[in-house]
């Protein structure tokens, strides 16, 4: 399991793993805990390491497709829990293809900060997002 010193570093690793379609890197972001939970847009609630990682294996199997531009991030930290509420602006081949509202929850333990919940749903009224500058999306 990787060590992330802050929830922001864990979140950056999450989106990096997603963009690169790297299952091992994705696995390193998540807590190794039977209580983890993931809800993909339009999907059912997935509980536990096996169900969550199986879902990521299916999603990432097609290889890198999506690029993310995160906006409207709100962060709440209380002790060993951090909640990030944000918009995921989803790009395919440089074109905006959708916006999701996401909640990412991180917990700190002796091995650092790790994701324990990711919940994303289509944004019913996404704001206009400017296209990324040439050279990439950050």
C-alpha atoms as a PDB file:
ATOM      1  CA  UNK A   1       0.000   0.000   0.000  1.00  0.00           C
ATOM      2  CA  UNK A   2       1.313   3.433  -0.896  1.00  0.00           C
ATOM      3  CA  UNK A   3       1.746   6.174   1.676  1.00  0.00           C
ATOM      4  CA  UNK A   4       0.014   9.480   0.986  1.00  0.00           C
ATOM      5  CA  UNK A   5       0.899  12.301   3.377  1.00  0.00           C
ATOM      6  CA  UNK A   6      -2.253  14.304   2.630  1.00  0.00           C
ATOM      7  CA  UNK A   7      -5.725  13.587   1.279  1.00  0.00           C
ATOM      8  CA  UNK A   8      -4.859  15.888  -1.643  1.00  0.00           C
ATOM      9  CA  UNK A   9      -1.957  13.619  -2.620  1.00  0.00           C
ATOM     10  CA  UNK A  10      -4.227  10.572  -2.397  1.00  0.00           C
ATOM     11  CA  UNK A  11      -6.788  12.332  -4.590  1.00  0.00           C
ATOM     12  CA  UNK A  12      -4.172  13.311  -7.169  1.00  0.00           C
ATOM     13  CA  UNK A  13      -3.023   9.672  -7.246  1.00  0.00           C
ATOM     14  CA  UNK A  14      -6.643   8.514  -7.691  1.00  0.00           C
ATOM     15  CA  UNK A  15      -7.252  10.655 -10.775  1.00  0.00           C
ATOM     16  CA  UNK A  16      -3.792   9.876 -12.149  1.00  0.00           C
ATOM     17  CA  UNK A  17      -4.449   6.125 -11.818  1.00  0.00           C
ATOM     18  CA  UNK A  18      -7.844   6.583 -13.487  1.00  0.00           C
ATOM     19  CA  UNK A  19      -6.373   8.563 -16.404  1.00  0.00           C
ATOM     20  CA  UNK A  20      -3.564   6.040 -16.919  1.00  0.00           C
ATOM     21  CA  UNK A  21      -5.913   3.047 -16.465  1.00  0.00           C
ATOM     22  CA  UNK A  22      -3.451   1.667 -13.903  1.00  0.00           C
ATOM     23  CA  UNK A  23      -5.209  -0.853 -11.665  1.00  0.00           C
ATOM     24  CA  UNK A  24      -2.220  -1.310  -9.338  1.00  0.00           C
ATOM     25  CA  UNK A  25      -1.985   2.443  -8.783  1.00  0.00           C
ATOM     26  CA  UNK A  26      -5.757   2.587  -8.228  1.00  0.00           C
ATOM     27  CA  UNK A  27      -5.531  -0.232  -5.689  1.00  0.00           C
ATOM     28  CA  UNK A  28      -2.786   1.691  -3.834  1.00  0.00           C
ATOM     29  CA  UNK A  29      -5.084   4.699  -3.364  1.00  0.00           C
ATOM     30  CA  UNK A  30      -7.858   2.732  -1.655  1.00  0.00           C
ATOM     31  CA  UNK A  31      -7.786   1.636   1.976  1.00  0.00           C
ATOM     32  CA  UNK A  32      -7.427  -2.099   2.447  1.00  0.00           C
ATOM     33  CA  UNK A  33     -10.613  -2.225   4.481  1.00  0.00           C
ATOM     34  CA  UNK A  34     -13.821  -4.226   4.121  1.00  0.00           C
ATOM     35  CA  UNK A  35     -15.758  -1.014   4.780  1.00  0.00           C
ATOM     36  CA  UNK A  36     -14.732   0.808   1.585  1.00  0.00           C
ATOM     37  CA  UNK A  37     -17.527   1.814  -0.778  1.00  0.00           C
ATOM     38  CA  UNK A  38     -17.795   3.001  -4.375  1.00  0.00           C
ATOM     39  CA  UNK A  39     -20.788   4.174  -6.385  1.00  0.00           C
ATOM     40  CA  UNK A  40     -20.104   4.791 -10.065  1.00  0.00           C
ATOM     41  CA  UNK A  41     -22.458   7.027 -12.090  1.00  0.00           C
ATOM     42  CA  UNK A  42     -25.691   5.119 -12.637  1.00  0.00           C
ATOM     43  CA  UNK A  43     -24.374   2.127 -10.731  1.00  0.00           C
ATOM     44  CA  UNK A  44     -25.154   0.204  -7.593  1.00  0.00           C
ATOM     45  CA  UNK A  45     -23.338   0.621  -4.292  1.00  0.00           C
ATOM     46  CA  UNK A  46     -20.249  -1.579  -4.177  1.00  0.00           C
ATOM     47  CA  UNK A  47     -19.008  -2.551  -0.715  1.00  0.00           C
ATOM     48  CA  UNK A  48     -15.668  -4.065   0.227  1.00  0.00           C
ATOM     49  CA  UNK A  49     -12.291  -4.404  -1.412  1.00  0.00           C
ATOM     50  CA  UNK A  50     -13.193  -7.243  -3.801  1.00  0.00           C
ATOM     51  CA  UNK A  51     -16.311  -5.560  -5.227  1.00  0.00           C
ATOM     52  CA  UNK A  52     -14.677  -2.132  -5.514  1.00  0.00           C
ATOM     53  CA  UNK A  53     -11.484  -3.425  -7.142  1.00  0.00           C
ATOM     54  CA  UNK A  54     -13.419  -5.709  -9.508  1.00  0.00           C
ATOM     55  CA  UNK A  55     -15.366  -2.664 -10.695  1.00  0.00           C
ATOM     56  CA  UNK A  56     -12.156  -0.696 -11.288  1.00  0.00           C
ATOM     57  CA  UNK A  57     -10.629  -3.649 -13.146  1.00  0.00           C
ATOM     58  CA  UNK A  58     -13.609  -3.602 -15.531  1.00  0.00           C
ATOM     59  CA  UNK A  59     -13.564   0.165 -15.975  1.00  0.00           C
ATOM     60  CA  UNK A  60      -9.814   0.388 -16.552  1.00  0.00           C
ATOM     61  CA  UNK A  61      -9.582  -2.675 -18.812  1.00  0.00           C
ATOM     62  CA  UNK A  62     -10.197  -0.582 -21.922  1.00  0.00           C
ATOM     63  CA  UNK A  63      -7.060   1.467 -21.321  1.00  0.00           C
ATOM     64  CA  UNK A  64      -6.624   5.215 -20.920  1.00  0.00           C
ATOM     65  CA  UNK A  65      -9.594   7.165 -22.264  1.00  0.00           C
ATOM     66  CA  UNK A  66     -10.660   9.884 -19.839  1.00  0.00           C
ATOM     67  CA  UNK A  67      -8.841  12.998 -18.706  1.00  0.00           C
ATOM     68  CA  UNK A  68     -10.119  14.910 -15.701  1.00  0.00           C
ATOM     69  CA  UNK A  69     -10.269  18.577 -14.922  1.00  0.00           C
ATOM     70  CA  UNK A  70     -11.406  19.031 -11.335  1.00  0.00           C
ATOM     71  CA  UNK A  71     -13.373  22.145 -10.404  1.00  0.00           C
ATOM     72  CA  UNK A  72     -15.479  23.533  -7.563  1.00  0.00           C
ATOM     73  CA  UNK A  73     -13.626  21.442  -4.976  1.00  0.00           C
ATOM     74  CA  UNK A  74     -14.839  21.805  -1.394  1.00  0.00           C
ATOM     75  CA  UNK A  75     -12.735  20.234   1.347  1.00  0.00           C
ATOM     76  CA  UNK A  76     -13.776  19.360   4.885  1.00  0.00           C
ATOM     77  CA  UNK A  77     -11.317  17.765   7.306  1.00  0.00           C
ATOM     78  CA  UNK A  78     -12.159  16.533  10.772  1.00  0.00           C
ATOM     79  CA  UNK A  79      -9.442  14.616  12.553  1.00  0.00           C
ATOM     80  CA  UNK A  80      -8.597  11.542  10.512  1.00  0.00           C
ATOM     81  CA  UNK A  81     -11.366  12.004   7.922  1.00  0.00           C
ATOM     82  CA  UNK A  82     -11.337  14.274   4.879  1.00  0.00           C
ATOM     83  CA  UNK A  83     -14.298  14.821   2.561  1.00  0.00           C
ATOM     84  CA  UNK A  84     -13.787  16.299  -0.904  1.00  0.00           C
ATOM     85  CA  UNK A  85     -16.859  17.362  -2.875  1.00  0.00           C
ATOM     86  CA  UNK A  86     -16.105  18.378  -6.455  1.00  0.00           C
ATOM     87  CA  UNK A  87     -16.962  18.396 -10.131  1.00  0.00           C
ATOM     88  CA  UNK A  88     -15.213  15.955 -12.438  1.00  0.00           C
ATOM     89  CA  UNK A  89     -15.075  17.524 -15.906  1.00  0.00           C
ATOM     90  CA  UNK A  90     -14.533  14.541 -18.206  1.00  0.00           C
ATOM     91  CA  UNK A  91     -12.585  14.939 -21.433  1.00  0.00           C
ATOM     92  CA  UNK A  92     -12.085  12.479 -24.268  1.00  0.00           C
ATOM     93  CA  UNK A  93      -9.547  13.416 -26.939  1.00  0.00           C
ATOM     94  CA  UNK A  94      -9.520  17.002 -25.656  1.00  0.00           C
ATOM     95  CA  UNK A  95     -13.297  17.516 -25.849  1.00  0.00           C
ATOM     96  CA  UNK A  96     -15.541  17.886 -22.814  1.00  0.00           C
ATOM     97  CA  UNK A  97     -17.830  14.829 -22.775  1.00  0.00           C
ATOM     98  CA  UNK A  98     -19.545  15.163 -19.415  1.00  0.00           C
ATOM     99  CA  UNK A  99     -19.518  16.473 -15.888  1.00  0.00           C
ATOM    100  CA  UNK A 100     -19.977  14.395 -12.762  1.00  0.00           C
ATOM    101  CA  UNK A 101     -20.522  15.470  -9.190  1.00  0.00           C
ATOM    102  CA  UNK A 102     -18.257  13.457  -6.911  1.00  0.00           C
ATOM    103  CA  UNK A 103     -17.690  12.897  -3.231  1.00  0.00           C
ATOM    104  CA  UNK A 104     -14.352  11.407  -2.244  1.00  0.00           C
ATOM    105  CA  UNK A 105     -13.725  10.470   1.382  1.00  0.00           C
ATOM    106  CA  UNK A 106     -10.266   9.750   2.772  1.00  0.00           C
ATOM    107  CA  UNK A 107      -9.200   8.314   6.116  1.00  0.00           C
ATOM    108  CA  UNK A 108      -5.801   8.629   7.757  1.00  0.00           C
ATOM    109  CA  UNK A 109      -4.246   5.715   9.596  1.00  0.00           C
ATOM    110  CA  UNK A 110      -0.682   4.621  10.347  1.00  0.00           C
ATOM    111  CA  UNK A 111      -0.040   4.115   6.610  1.00  0.00           C
ATOM    112  CA  UNK A 112      -1.214   7.606   5.574  1.00  0.00           C
ATOM    113  CA  UNK A 113      -4.345   8.843   3.815  1.00  0.00           C
ATOM    114  CA  UNK A 114      -6.397   6.456   1.655  1.00  0.00           C
ATOM    115  CA  UNK A 115      -9.748   6.579  -0.080  1.00  0.00           C
ATOM    116  CA  UNK A 116     -12.650   4.886   1.662  1.00  0.00           C
ATOM    117  CA  UNK A 117     -15.500   6.223  -0.508  1.00  0.00           C
ATOM    118  CA  UNK A 118     -15.926   7.462  -4.068  1.00  0.00           C
ATOM    119  CA  UNK A 119     -19.417   8.406  -5.201  1.00  0.00           C
ATOM    120  CA  UNK A 120     -19.992  10.019  -8.593  1.00  0.00           C
ATOM    121  CA  UNK A 121     -23.196  10.947 -10.408  1.00  0.00           C
ATOM    122  CA  UNK A 122     -23.941  12.874 -13.583  1.00  0.00           C
ATOM    123  CA  UNK A 123     -24.252  16.610 -12.944  1.00  0.00           C
ATOM    124  CA  UNK A 124     -27.826  17.567 -13.950  1.00  0.00           C
ATOM    125  CA  UNK A 125     -26.855  21.200 -14.638  1.00  0.00           C
ATOM    126  CA  UNK A 126     -23.116  21.455 -15.247  1.00  0.00           C
ATOM    127  CA  UNK A 127     -21.567  24.912 -15.470  1.00  0.00           C
ATOM    128  CA  UNK A 128     -19.768  25.882 -18.629  1.00  0.00           C
ATOM    129  CA  UNK A 129     -16.142  24.777 -18.439  1.00  0.00           C
ATOM    130  CA  UNK A 130     -13.518  26.392 -20.627  1.00  0.00           C
ATOM    131  CA  UNK A 131     -11.525  23.973 -22.779  1.00  0.00           C
ATOM    132  CA  UNK A 132      -8.098  23.121 -21.424  1.00  0.00           C
ATOM    133  CA  UNK A 133      -5.072  25.024 -22.592  1.00  0.00           C
ATOM    134  CA  UNK A 134      -2.982  23.265 -25.252  1.00  0.00           C
ATOM    135  CA  UNK A 135      -0.577  20.822 -23.705  1.00  0.00           C
ATOM    136  CA  UNK A 136      -2.786  18.988 -21.269  1.00  0.00           C
ATOM    137  CA  UNK A 137      -5.375  18.997 -18.578  1.00  0.00           C
ATOM    138  CA  UNK A 138      -4.503  19.554 -14.930  1.00  0.00           C
END
